[in-house]
Amino acid sequence: MPAIHEVATITSKGQITLPKPIRQALGVDYGGKVAFDLRGSEVIVTRADEASHEDPAIASFLALLEKDIRTGQHLCNLPDGLVQAMQAATTLPVDLDADIEGDVAL
């Protein structure tokens, strides 16, 4: 990675904007995640590996769900109304090339 030196100003809320050359070098943009590591008197900024973060509540829920599926506990058919609504929704045309509306986190 090439040497880049940029200066950012800390706001009254303790926030900074990563300068564009730094964002480009890290390959992050709007909604991207960066990690800060303090090593002595230096702060190292890296692109965050989002896959490495695990929410313990979600992990526990997924483990419970997996156990229920494996043992057949707490499983039942979807309500007829939901099945019909899902089937009706699948007949709607989908334009995969259409612009995405709203916020998107990558």
PDB file of N, CA and C in Angstrom:
ATOM      1  N   MET A   1       0.857  -1.168   0.000  1.00  0.00           N
ATOM      2  CA  MET A   1       0.000   0.000   0.000  1.00  0.00           C
ATOM      3  C   MET A   1       0.910   1.240   0.000  1.00  0.00           C
ATOM      4  N   PRO A   2       0.612   2.225  -0.853  1.00  0.00           N
ATOM      5  CA  PRO A   2       1.458   3.414  -0.912  1.00  0.00           C
ATOM      6  C   PRO A   2       1.341   4.243   0.363  1.00  0.00           C
ATOM      7  N   ALA A   3       2.384   5.014   0.649  1.00  0.00           N
ATOM      8  CA  ALA A   3       2.362   5.890   1.818  1.00  0.00           C
ATOM      9  C   ALA A   3       1.446   7.071   1.533  1.00  0.00           C
ATOM     10  N   ILE A   4       0.492   7.286   2.406  1.00  0.00           N
ATOM     11  CA  ILE A   4      -0.442   8.401   2.280  1.00  0.00           C
ATOM     12  C   ILE A   4      -0.473   9.107   3.620  1.00  0.00           C
ATOM     13  N   HIS A   5      -0.350  10.419   3.595  1.00  0.00           N
ATOM     14  CA  HIS A   5      -0.434  11.203   4.829  1.00  0.00           C
ATOM     15  C   HIS A   5      -1.573  12.198   4.652  1.00  0.00           C
ATOM     16  N   GLU A   6      -2.588  12.086   5.478  1.00  0.00           N
ATOM     17  CA  GLU A   6      -3.736  12.995   5.441  1.00  0.00           C
ATOM     18  C   GLU A   6      -4.033  13.433   6.866  1.00  0.00           C
ATOM     19  N   VAL A   7      -4.636  14.584   7.011  1.00  0.00           N
ATOM     20  CA  VAL A   7      -5.010  15.109   8.325  1.00  0.00           C
ATOM     21  C   VAL A   7      -6.520  15.270   8.360  1.00  0.00           C
ATOM     22  N   ALA A   8      -7.145  14.851   9.462  1.00  0.00           N
ATOM     23  CA  ALA A   8      -8.586  15.002   9.658  1.00  0.00           C
ATOM     24  C   ALA A   8      -8.811  15.777  10.950  1.00  0.00           C
ATOM     25  N   THR A   9      -9.871  16.556  10.986  1.00  0.00           N
ATOM     26  CA  THR A   9     -10.208  17.354  12.168  1.00  0.00           C
ATOM     27  C   THR A   9     -11.262  16.633  12.993  1.00  0.00           C
ATOM     28  N   ILE A  10     -11.073  16.602  14.298  1.00  0.00           N
ATOM     29  CA  ILE A  10     -12.034  15.968  15.201  1.00  0.00           C
ATOM     30  C   ILE A  10     -13.133  16.979  15.509  1.00  0.00           C
ATOM     31  N   THR A  11     -14.390  16.561  15.355  1.00  0.00           N
ATOM     32  CA  THR A  11     -15.523  17.439  15.642  1.00  0.00           C
ATOM     33  C   THR A  11     -15.783  17.491  17.142  1.00  0.00           C
ATOM     34  N   SER A  12     -16.715  18.340  17.529  1.00  0.00           N
ATOM     35  CA  SER A  12     -17.066  18.464  18.949  1.00  0.00           C
ATOM     36  C   SER A  12     -17.655  17.175  19.495  1.00  0.00           C
ATOM     37  N   LYS A  13     -18.157  16.307  18.615  1.00  0.00           N
ATOM     38  CA  LYS A  13     -18.708  15.011  19.034  1.00  0.00           C
ATOM     39  C   LYS A  13     -17.663  13.900  18.987  1.00  0.00           C
ATOM     40  N   GLY A  14     -16.403  14.260  18.712  1.00  0.00           N
ATOM     41  CA  GLY A  14     -15.341  13.264  18.668  1.00  0.00           C
ATOM     42  C   GLY A  14     -15.315  12.481  17.367  1.00  0.00           C
ATOM     43  N   GLN A  15     -15.931  12.998  16.325  1.00  0.00           N
ATOM     44  CA  GLN A  15     -16.000  12.300  15.044  1.00  0.00           C
ATOM     45  C   GLN A  15     -14.990  12.876  14.062  1.00  0.00           C
ATOM     46  N   ILE A  16     -14.580  12.039  13.101  1.00  0.00           N
ATOM     47  CA  ILE A  16     -13.724  12.494  12.016  1.00  0.00           C
ATOM     48  C   ILE A  16     -14.298  11.977  10.699  1.00  0.00           C
ATOM     49  N   THR A  17     -13.900  12.614   9.627  1.00  0.00           N
ATOM     50  CA  THR A  17     -14.207  12.109   8.297  1.00  0.00           C
ATOM     51  C   THR A  17     -12.913  11.551   7.736  1.00  0.00           C
ATOM     52  N   LEU A  18     -12.939  10.294   7.321  1.00  0.00           N
ATOM     53  CA  LEU A  18     -11.739   9.726   6.720  1.00  0.00           C
ATOM     54  C   LEU A  18     -11.504  10.409   5.383  1.00  0.00           C
ATOM     55  N   PRO A  19     -10.333  10.948   5.167  1.00  0.00           N
ATOM     56  CA  PRO A  19     -10.061  11.598   3.887  1.00  0.00           C
ATOM     57  C   PRO A  19     -10.225  10.620   2.723  1.00  0.00           C
ATOM     58  N   LYS A  20     -10.655  11.161   1.595  1.00  0.00           N
ATOM     59  CA  LYS A  20     -10.959  10.340   0.420  1.00  0.00           C
ATOM     60  C   LYS A  20      -9.799   9.429   0.010  1.00  0.00           C
ATOM     61  N   PRO A  21      -8.536   9.916  -0.024  1.00  0.00           N
ATOM     62  CA  PRO A  21      -7.451   9.002  -0.410  1.00  0.00           C
ATOM     63  C   PRO A  21      -7.313   7.798   0.528  1.00  0.00           C
ATOM     64  N   ILE A  22      -7.612   8.006   1.820  1.00  0.00           N
ATOM     65  CA  ILE A  22      -7.544   6.912   2.791  1.00  0.00           C
ATOM     66  C   ILE A  22      -8.683   5.924   2.529  1.00  0.00           C
ATOM     67  N   ARG A  23      -9.900   6.447   2.317  1.00  0.00           N
ATOM     68  CA  ARG A  23     -11.043   5.573   2.023  1.00  0.00           C
ATOM     69  C   ARG A  23     -10.780   4.760   0.758  1.00  0.00           C
ATOM     70  N   GLN A  24     -10.240   5.417  -0.248  1.00  0.00           N
ATOM     71  CA  GLN A  24      -9.958   4.716  -1.506  1.00  0.00           C
ATOM     72  C   GLN A  24      -8.899   3.641  -1.308  1.00  0.00           C
ATOM     73  N   ALA A  25      -7.845   3.958  -0.564  1.00  0.00           N
ATOM     74  CA  ALA A  25      -6.776   2.983  -0.331  1.00  0.00           C
ATOM     75  C   ALA A  25      -7.282   1.771   0.446  1.00  0.00           C
ATOM     76  N   LEU A  26      -8.218   2.019   1.388  1.00  0.00           N
ATOM     77  CA  LEU A  26      -8.771   0.917   2.176  1.00  0.00           C
ATOM     78  C   LEU A  26      -9.882   0.183   1.441  1.00  0.00           C
ATOM     79  N   GLY A  27     -10.421   0.795   0.391  1.00  0.00           N
ATOM     80  CA  GLY A  27     -11.522   0.168  -0.345  1.00  0.00           C
ATOM     81  C   GLY A  27     -12.829   0.232   0.410  1.00  0.00           C
ATOM     82  N   VAL A  28     -13.062   1.320   1.136  1.00  0.00           N
ATOM     83  CA  VAL A  28     -14.316   1.488   1.868  1.00  0.00           C
ATOM     84  C   VAL A  28     -15.034   2.728   1.361  1.00  0.00           C
ATOM     85  N   ASP A  29     -16.336   2.720   1.462  1.00  0.00           N
ATOM     86  CA  ASP A  29     -17.154   3.844   1.052  1.00  0.00           C
ATOM     87  C   ASP A  29     -18.306   3.974   2.035  1.00  0.00           C
ATOM     88  N   TYR A  30     -19.319   4.731   1.658  1.00  0.00           N
ATOM     89  CA  TYR A  30     -20.479   4.963   2.518  1.00  0.00           C
ATOM     90  C   TYR A  30     -21.011   3.638   3.067  1.00  0.00           C
ATOM     91  N   GLY A  31     -21.174   3.556   4.363  1.00  0.00           N
ATOM     92  CA  GLY A  31     -21.679   2.344   4.995  1.00  0.00           C
ATOM     93  C   GLY A  31     -20.604   1.317   5.284  1.00  0.00           C
ATOM     94  N   GLY A  32     -19.400   1.536   4.771  1.00  0.00           N
ATOM     95  CA  GLY A  32     -18.308   0.609   5.031  1.00  0.00           C
ATOM     96  C   GLY A  32     -17.849   0.698   6.473  1.00  0.00           C
ATOM     97  N   LYS A  33     -17.126  -0.286   6.919  1.00  0.00           N
ATOM     98  CA  LYS A  33     -16.664  -0.343   8.306  1.00  0.00           C
ATOM     99  C   LYS A  33     -15.140  -0.293   8.339  1.00  0.00           C
ATOM    100  N   VAL A  34     -14.626   0.458   9.307  1.00  0.00           N
ATOM    101  CA  VAL A  34     -13.189   0.481   9.554  1.00  0.00           C
ATOM    102  C   VAL A  34     -12.945   0.153  11.015  1.00  0.00           C
ATOM    103  N   ALA A  35     -11.772  -0.382  11.282  1.00  0.00           N
ATOM    104  CA  ALA A  35     -11.385  -0.734  12.651  1.00  0.00           C
ATOM    105  C   ALA A  35     -10.226   0.162  13.068  1.00  0.00           C
ATOM    106  N   PHE A  36     -10.204   0.544  14.347  1.00  0.00           N
ATOM    107  CA  PHE A  36      -9.135   1.350  14.902  1.00  0.00           C
ATOM    108  C   PHE A  36      -8.394   0.520  15.939  1.00  0.00           C
ATOM    109  N   ASP A  37      -7.081   0.428  15.799  1.00  0.00           N
ATOM    110  CA  ASP A  37      -6.244  -0.285  16.758  1.00  0.00           C
ATOM    111  C   ASP A  37      -5.204   0.681  17.306  1.00  0.00           C
ATOM    112  N   LEU A  38      -5.118   0.781  18.635  1.00  0.00           N
ATOM    113  CA  LEU A  38      -4.141   1.638  19.282  1.00  0.00           C
ATOM    114  C   LEU A  38      -2.910   0.803  19.586  1.00  0.00           C
ATOM    115  N   ARG A  39      -1.781   1.195  18.983  1.00  0.00           N
ATOM    116  CA  ARG A  39      -0.507   0.495  19.204  1.00  0.00           C
ATOM    117  C   ARG A  39       0.503   1.526  19.682  1.00  0.00           C
ATOM    118  N   GLY A  40       0.710   1.548  20.985  1.00  0.00           N
ATOM    119  CA  GLY A  40       1.579   2.571  21.567  1.00  0.00           C
ATOM    120  C   GLY A  40       0.911   3.921  21.410  1.00  0.00           C
ATOM    121  N   SER A  41       1.564   4.835  20.723  1.00  0.00           N
ATOM    122  CA  SER A  41       0.995   6.163  20.498  1.00  0.00           C
ATOM    123  C   SER A  41       0.444   6.314  19.088  1.00  0.00           C
ATOM    124  N   GLU A  42       0.323   5.212  18.363  1.00  0.00           N
ATOM    125  CA  GLU A  42      -0.190   5.249  16.989  1.00  0.00           C
ATOM    126  C   GLU A  42      -1.559   4.588  16.904  1.00  0.00           C
ATOM    127  N   VAL A  43      -2.396   5.139  16.050  1.00  0.00           N
ATOM    128  CA  VAL A  43      -3.697   4.532  15.764  1.00  0.00           C
ATOM    129  C   VAL A  43      -3.613   3.955  14.363  1.00  0.00           C
ATOM    130  N   ILE A  44      -3.890   2.680  14.239  1.00  0.00           N
ATOM    131  CA  ILE A  44      -3.872   1.987  12.955  1.00  0.00           C
ATOM    132  C   ILE A  44      -5.315   1.824  12.501  1.00  0.00           C
ATOM    133  N   VAL A  45      -5.609   2.290  11.291  1.00  0.00           N
ATOM    134  CA  VAL A  45      -6.955   2.190  10.726  1.00  0.00           C
ATOM    135  C   VAL A  45      -6.922   1.146   9.625  1.00  0.00           C
ATOM    136  N   THR A  46      -7.810   0.160   9.721  1.00  0.00           N
ATOM    137  CA  THR A  46      -7.900  -0.887   8.710  1.00  0.00           C
ATOM    138  C   THR A  46      -9.354  -1.098   8.314  1.00  0.00           C
ATOM    139  N   ARG A  47      -9.546  -1.676   7.151  1.00  0.00           N
ATOM    140  CA  ARG A  47     -10.904  -2.053   6.747  1.00  0.00           C
ATOM    141  C   ARG A  47     -11.342  -3.179   7.674  1.00  0.00           C
ATOM    142  N   ALA A  48     -12.534  -3.049   8.243  1.00  0.00           N
ATOM    143  CA  ALA A  48     -13.033  -4.050   9.185  1.00  0.00           C
ATOM    144  C   ALA A  48     -13.519  -5.270   8.429  1.00  0.00           C
ATOM    145  N   ASP A  49     -13.190  -6.429   8.947  1.00  0.00           N
ATOM    146  CA  ASP A  49     -13.679  -7.684   8.394  1.00  0.00           C
ATOM    147  C   ASP A  49     -15.015  -7.962   9.045  1.00  0.00           C
ATOM    148  N   GLU A  50     -16.104  -7.591   8.360  1.00  0.00           N
ATOM    149  CA  GLU A  50     -17.439  -7.707   8.951  1.00  0.00           C
ATOM    150  C   GLU A  50     -17.816  -9.148   9.264  1.00  0.00           C
ATOM    151  N   ALA A  51     -17.244 -10.088   8.547  1.00  0.00           N
ATOM    152  CA  ALA A  51     -17.597 -11.489   8.783  1.00  0.00           C
ATOM    153  C   ALA A  51     -17.071 -11.971  10.132  1.00  0.00           C
ATOM    154  N   SER A  52     -16.049 -11.285  10.676  1.00  0.00           N
ATOM    155  CA  SER A  52     -15.472 -11.756  11.934  1.00  0.00           C
ATOM    156  C   SER A  52     -16.312 -11.362  13.146  1.00  0.00           C
ATOM    157  N   HIS A  53     -17.246 -10.415  12.965  1.00  0.00           N
ATOM    158  CA  HIS A  53     -18.072  -9.987  14.085  1.00  0.00           C
ATOM    159  C   HIS A  53     -19.278 -10.913  14.221  1.00  0.00           C
ATOM    160  N   GLU A  54     -19.478 -11.404  15.414  1.00  0.00           N
ATOM    161  CA  GLU A  54     -20.643 -12.246  15.662  1.00  0.00           C
ATOM    162  C   GLU A  54     -21.409 -11.704  16.851  1.00  0.00           C
ATOM    163  N   ASP A  55     -22.688 -11.536  16.667  1.00  0.00           N
ATOM    164  CA  ASP A  55     -23.566 -11.088  17.738  1.00  0.00           C
ATOM    165  C   ASP A  55     -23.909 -12.319  18.564  1.00  0.00           C
ATOM    166  N   PRO A  56     -23.582 -12.339  19.862  1.00  0.00           N
ATOM    167  CA  PRO A  56     -23.852 -13.534  20.671  1.00  0.00           C
ATOM    168  C   PRO A  56     -25.335 -13.885  20.737  1.00  0.00           C
ATOM    169  N   ALA A  57     -26.207 -12.891  20.697  1.00  0.00           N
ATOM    170  CA  ALA A  57     -27.643 -13.179  20.741  1.00  0.00           C
ATOM    171  C   ALA A  57     -28.079 -13.891  19.460  1.00  0.00           C
ATOM    172  N   ILE A  58     -27.588 -13.431  18.327  1.00  0.00           N
ATOM    173  CA  ILE A  58     -27.954 -14.061  17.061  1.00  0.00           C
ATOM    174  C   ILE A  58     -27.357 -15.459  16.981  1.00  0.00           C
ATOM    175  N   ALA A  59     -26.098 -15.604  17.414  1.00  0.00           N
ATOM    176  CA  ALA A  59     -25.466 -16.922  17.382  1.00  0.00           C
ATOM    177  C   ALA A  59     -26.251 -17.919  18.235  1.00  0.00           C
ATOM    178  N   SER A  60     -26.693 -17.494  19.416  1.00  0.00           N
ATOM    179  CA  SER A  60     -27.481 -18.370  20.280  1.00  0.00           C
ATOM    180  C   SER A  60     -28.821 -18.712  19.643  1.00  0.00           C
ATOM    181  N   PHE A  61     -29.469 -17.713  19.039  1.00  0.00           N
ATOM    182  CA  PHE A  61     -30.759 -17.940  18.377  1.00  0.00           C
ATOM    183  C   PHE A  61     -30.603 -18.920  17.219  1.00  0.00           C
ATOM    184  N   LEU A  62     -29.561 -18.739  16.400  1.00  0.00           N
ATOM    185  CA  LEU A  62     -29.346 -19.644  15.267  1.00  0.00           C
ATOM    186  C   LEU A  62     -29.054 -21.072  15.734  1.00  0.00           C
ATOM    187  N   ALA A  63     -28.320 -21.214  16.845  1.00  0.00           N
ATOM    188  CA  ALA A  63     -28.049 -22.544  17.393  1.00  0.00           C
ATOM    189  C   ALA A  63     -29.341 -23.202  17.860  1.00  0.00           C
ATOM    190  N   LEU A  64     -30.212 -22.432  18.526  1.00  0.00           N
ATOM    191  CA  LEU A  64     -31.504 -22.946  18.969  1.00  0.00           C
ATOM    192  C   LEU A  64     -32.361 -23.353  17.763  1.00  0.00           C
ATOM    193  N   LEU A  65     -32.384 -22.498  16.753  1.00  0.00           N
ATOM    194  CA  LEU A  65     -33.155 -22.788  15.541  1.00  0.00           C
ATOM    195  C   LEU A  65     -32.640 -24.048  14.856  1.00  0.00           C
ATOM    196  N   GLU A  66     -31.329 -24.180  14.763  1.00  0.00           N
ATOM    197  CA  GLU A  66     -30.737 -25.367  14.142  1.00  0.00           C
ATOM    198  C   GLU A  66     -31.131 -26.631  14.909  1.00  0.00           C
ATOM    199  N   LYS A  67     -31.097 -26.576  16.239  1.00  0.00           N
ATOM    200  CA  LYS A  67     -31.469 -27.726  17.064  1.00  0.00           C
ATOM    201  C   LYS A  67     -32.937 -28.090  16.836  1.00  0.00           C
ATOM    202  N   ASP A  68     -33.804 -27.055  16.799  1.00  0.00           N
ATOM    203  CA  ASP A  68     -35.230 -27.316  16.567  1.00  0.00           C
ATOM    204  C   ASP A  68     -35.469 -27.959  15.211  1.00  0.00           C
ATOM    205  N   ILE A  69     -34.773 -27.491  14.203  1.00  0.00           N
ATOM    206  CA  ILE A  69     -34.951 -28.054  12.859  1.00  0.00           C
ATOM    207  C   ILE A  69     -34.451 -29.497  12.828  1.00  0.00           C
ATOM    208  N   ARG A  70     -33.296 -29.724  13.448  1.00  0.00           N
ATOM    209  CA  ARG A  70     -32.718 -31.072  13.451  1.00  0.00           C
ATOM    210  C   ARG A  70     -33.632 -32.074  14.172  1.00  0.00           C
ATOM    211  N   THR A  71     -34.241 -31.649  15.284  1.00  0.00           N
ATOM    212  CA  THR A  71     -35.061 -32.567  16.080  1.00  0.00           C
ATOM    213  C   THR A  71     -36.544 -32.513  15.703  1.00  0.00           C
ATOM    214  N   GLY A  72     -36.916 -31.538  14.863  1.00  0.00           N
ATOM    215  CA  GLY A  72     -38.314 -31.421  14.466  1.00  0.00           C
ATOM    216  C   GLY A  72     -39.194 -30.761  15.513  1.00  0.00           C
ATOM    217  N   GLN A  73     -38.584 -30.128  16.512  1.00  0.00           N
ATOM    218  CA  GLN A  73     -39.362 -29.455  17.556  1.00  0.00           C
ATOM    219  C   GLN A  73     -39.808 -28.079  17.082  1.00  0.00           C
ATOM    220  N   HIS A  74     -40.943 -27.642  17.594  1.00  0.00           N
ATOM    221  CA  HIS A  74     -41.442 -26.284  17.373  1.00  0.00           C
ATOM    222  C   HIS A  74     -41.605 -25.932  15.900  1.00  0.00           C
ATOM    223  N   LEU A  75     -41.752 -26.920  15.055  1.00  0.00           N
ATOM    224  CA  LEU A  75     -41.942 -26.663  13.636  1.00  0.00           C
ATOM    225  C   LEU A  75     -43.396 -26.891  13.271  1.00  0.00           C
ATOM    226  N   CYS A  76     -43.901 -26.039  12.402  1.00  0.00           N
ATOM    227  CA  CYS A  76     -45.269 -26.211  11.929  1.00  0.00           C
ATOM    228  C   CYS A  76     -45.384 -25.582  10.546  1.00  0.00           C
ATOM    229  N   ASN A  77     -46.485 -25.858   9.908  1.00  0.00           N
ATOM    230  CA  ASN A  77     -46.722 -25.267   8.599  1.00  0.00           C
ATOM    231  C   ASN A  77     -46.960 -23.771   8.744  1.00  0.00           C
ATOM    232  N   LEU A  78     -46.617 -23.042   7.691  1.00  0.00           N
ATOM    233  CA  LEU A  78     -46.927 -21.618   7.671  1.00  0.00           C
ATOM    234  C   LEU A  78     -48.435 -21.444   7.575  1.00  0.00           C
ATOM    235  N   PRO A  79     -48.961 -20.378   8.161  1.00  0.00           N
ATOM    236  CA  PRO A  79     -50.399 -20.118   8.025  1.00  0.00           C
ATOM    237  C   PRO A  79     -50.770 -19.957   6.544  1.00  0.00           C
ATOM    238  N   ASP A  80     -51.955 -20.455   6.186  1.00  0.00           N
ATOM    239  CA  ASP A  80     -52.387 -20.411   4.784  1.00  0.00           C
ATOM    240  C   ASP A  80     -52.344 -19.004   4.205  1.00  0.00           C
ATOM    241  N   GLY A  81     -52.753 -18.021   4.991  1.00  0.00           N
ATOM    242  CA  GLY A  81     -52.751 -16.640   4.508  1.00  0.00           C
ATOM    243  C   GLY A  81     -51.349 -16.159   4.140  1.00  0.00           C
ATOM    244  N   LEU A  82     -50.359 -16.556   4.939  1.00  0.00           N
ATOM    245  CA  LEU A  82     -48.983 -16.170   4.660  1.00  0.00           C
ATOM    246  C   LEU A  82     -48.473 -16.867   3.408  1.00  0.00           C
ATOM    247  N   VAL A  83     -48.797 -18.141   3.274  1.00  0.00           N
ATOM    248  CA  VAL A  83     -48.395 -18.890   2.077  1.00  0.00           C
ATOM    249  C   VAL A  83     -48.984 -18.245   0.830  1.00  0.00           C
ATOM    250  N   GLN A  84     -50.259 -17.891   0.890  1.00  0.00           N
ATOM    251  CA  GLN A  84     -50.913 -17.258  -0.268  1.00  0.00           C
ATOM    252  C   GLN A  84     -50.286 -15.904  -0.581  1.00  0.00           C
ATOM    253  N   ALA A  85     -49.967 -15.130   0.440  1.00  0.00           N
ATOM    254  CA  ALA A  85     -49.341 -13.822   0.226  1.00  0.00           C
ATOM    255  C   ALA A  85     -47.954 -13.977  -0.391  1.00  0.00           C
ATOM    256  N   MET A  86     -47.204 -14.971   0.071  1.00  0.00           N
ATOM    257  CA  MET A  86     -45.873 -15.214  -0.483  1.00  0.00           C
ATOM    258  C   MET A  86     -45.972 -15.657  -1.938  1.00  0.00           C
ATOM    259  N   GLN A  87     -46.926 -16.522  -2.234  1.00  0.00           N
ATOM    260  CA  GLN A  87     -47.105 -16.982  -3.609  1.00  0.00           C
ATOM    261  C   GLN A  87     -47.529 -15.829  -4.513  1.00  0.00           C
ATOM    262  N   ALA A  88     -48.399 -14.966  -4.015  1.00  0.00           N
ATOM    263  CA  ALA A  88     -48.840 -13.814  -4.803  1.00  0.00           C
ATOM    264  C   ALA A  88     -47.669 -12.871  -5.070  1.00  0.00           C
ATOM    265  N   ALA A  89     -46.798 -12.724  -4.087  1.00  0.00           N
ATOM    266  CA  ALA A  89     -45.662 -11.817  -4.248  1.00  0.00           C
ATOM    267  C   ALA A  89     -44.655 -12.340  -5.262  1.00  0.00           C
ATOM    268  N   THR A  90     -44.578 -13.653  -5.413  1.00  0.00           N
ATOM    269  CA  THR A  90     -43.599 -14.210  -6.351  1.00  0.00           C
ATOM    270  C   THR A  90     -44.024 -14.027  -7.799  1.00  0.00           C
ATOM    271  N   THR A  91     -45.275 -13.687  -8.028  1.00  0.00           N
ATOM    272  CA  THR A  91     -45.717 -13.493  -9.409  1.00  0.00           C
ATOM    273  C   THR A  91     -45.479 -12.061  -9.876  1.00  0.00           C
ATOM    274  N   LEU A  92     -45.072 -11.172  -8.973  1.00  0.00           N
ATOM    275  CA  LEU A  92     -44.807  -9.801  -9.353  1.00  0.00           C
ATOM    276  C   LEU A  92     -43.528  -9.743 -10.180  1.00  0.00           C
ATOM    277  N   PRO A  93     -43.519  -8.920 -11.223  1.00  0.00           N
ATOM    278  CA  PRO A  93     -42.296  -8.825 -12.031  1.00  0.00           C
ATOM    279  C   PRO A  93     -41.173  -8.171 -11.241  1.00  0.00           C
ATOM    280  N   VAL A  94     -39.972  -8.642 -11.448  1.00  0.00           N
ATOM    281  CA  VAL A  94     -38.805  -8.105 -10.764  1.00  0.00           C
ATOM    282  C   VAL A  94     -37.800  -7.658 -11.812  1.00  0.00           C
ATOM    283  N   ASP A  95     -37.384  -6.389 -11.728  1.00  0.00           N
ATOM    284  CA  ASP A  95     -36.371  -5.854 -12.635  1.00  0.00           C
ATOM    285  C   ASP A  95     -35.044  -5.844 -11.893  1.00  0.00           C
ATOM    286  N   LEU A  96     -34.177  -6.812 -12.178  1.00  0.00           N
ATOM    287  CA  LEU A  96     -32.911  -6.933 -11.478  1.00  0.00           C
ATOM    288  C   LEU A  96     -31.952  -5.801 -11.814  1.00  0.00           C
ATOM    289  N   ASP A  97     -32.231  -5.053 -12.877  1.00  0.00           N
ATOM    290  CA  ASP A  97     -31.378  -3.934 -13.253  1.00  0.00           C
ATOM    291  C   ASP A  97     -31.880  -2.599 -12.712  1.00  0.00           C
ATOM    292  N   ALA A  98     -33.004  -2.620 -12.017  1.00  0.00           N
ATOM    293  CA  ALA A  98     -33.576  -1.378 -11.492  1.00  0.00           C
ATOM    294  C   ALA A  98     -32.717  -0.849 -10.349  1.00  0.00           C
ATOM    295  N   ASP A  99     -32.700   0.480 -10.192  1.00  0.00           N
ATOM    296  CA  ASP A  99     -31.982   1.095  -9.081  1.00  0.00           C
ATOM    297  C   ASP A  99     -32.626   0.685  -7.762  1.00  0.00           C
ATOM    298  N   ILE A 100     -31.805   0.530  -6.737  1.00  0.00           N
ATOM    299  CA  ILE A 100     -32.279   0.183  -5.408  1.00  0.00           C
ATOM    300  C   ILE A 100     -32.716   1.460  -4.705  1.00  0.00           C
ATOM    301  N   GLU A 101     -33.891   1.459  -4.139  1.00  0.00           N
ATOM    302  CA  GLU A 101     -34.384   2.624  -3.420  1.00  0.00           C
ATOM    303  C   GLU A 101     -34.059   2.495  -1.943  1.00  0.00           C
ATOM    304  N   GLY A 102     -33.761   3.608  -1.298  1.00  0.00           N
ATOM    305  CA  GLY A 102     -33.481   3.606   0.128  1.00  0.00           C
ATOM    306  C   GLY A 102     -32.009   3.355   0.423  1.00  0.00           C
ATOM    307  N   ASP A 103     -31.686   3.281   1.710  1.00  0.00           N
ATOM    308  CA  ASP A 103     -30.319   3.068   2.153  1.00  0.00           C
ATOM    309  C   ASP A 103     -29.904   1.627   1.966  1.00  0.00           C
ATOM    310  N   VAL A 104     -28.662   1.417   1.602  1.00  0.00           N
ATOM    311  CA  VAL A 104     -28.110   0.082   1.419  1.00  0.00           C
ATOM    312  C   VAL A 104     -26.798   0.001   2.178  1.00  0.00           C
ATOM    313  N   ALA A 105     -26.679  -0.962   3.060  1.00  0.00           N
ATOM    314  CA  ALA A 105     -25.414  -1.174   3.796  1.00  0.00           C
ATOM    315  C   ALA A 105     -24.692  -2.344   3.166  1.00  0.00           C
ATOM    316  N   LEU A 106     -23.475  -2.102   2.781  1.00  0.00           N
ATOM    317  CA  LEU A 106     -22.666  -3.171   2.173  1.00  0.00           C
ATOM    318  C   LEU A 106     -21.655  -3.686   3.139  1.00  0.00           C
TER     319      LEU A 106
END
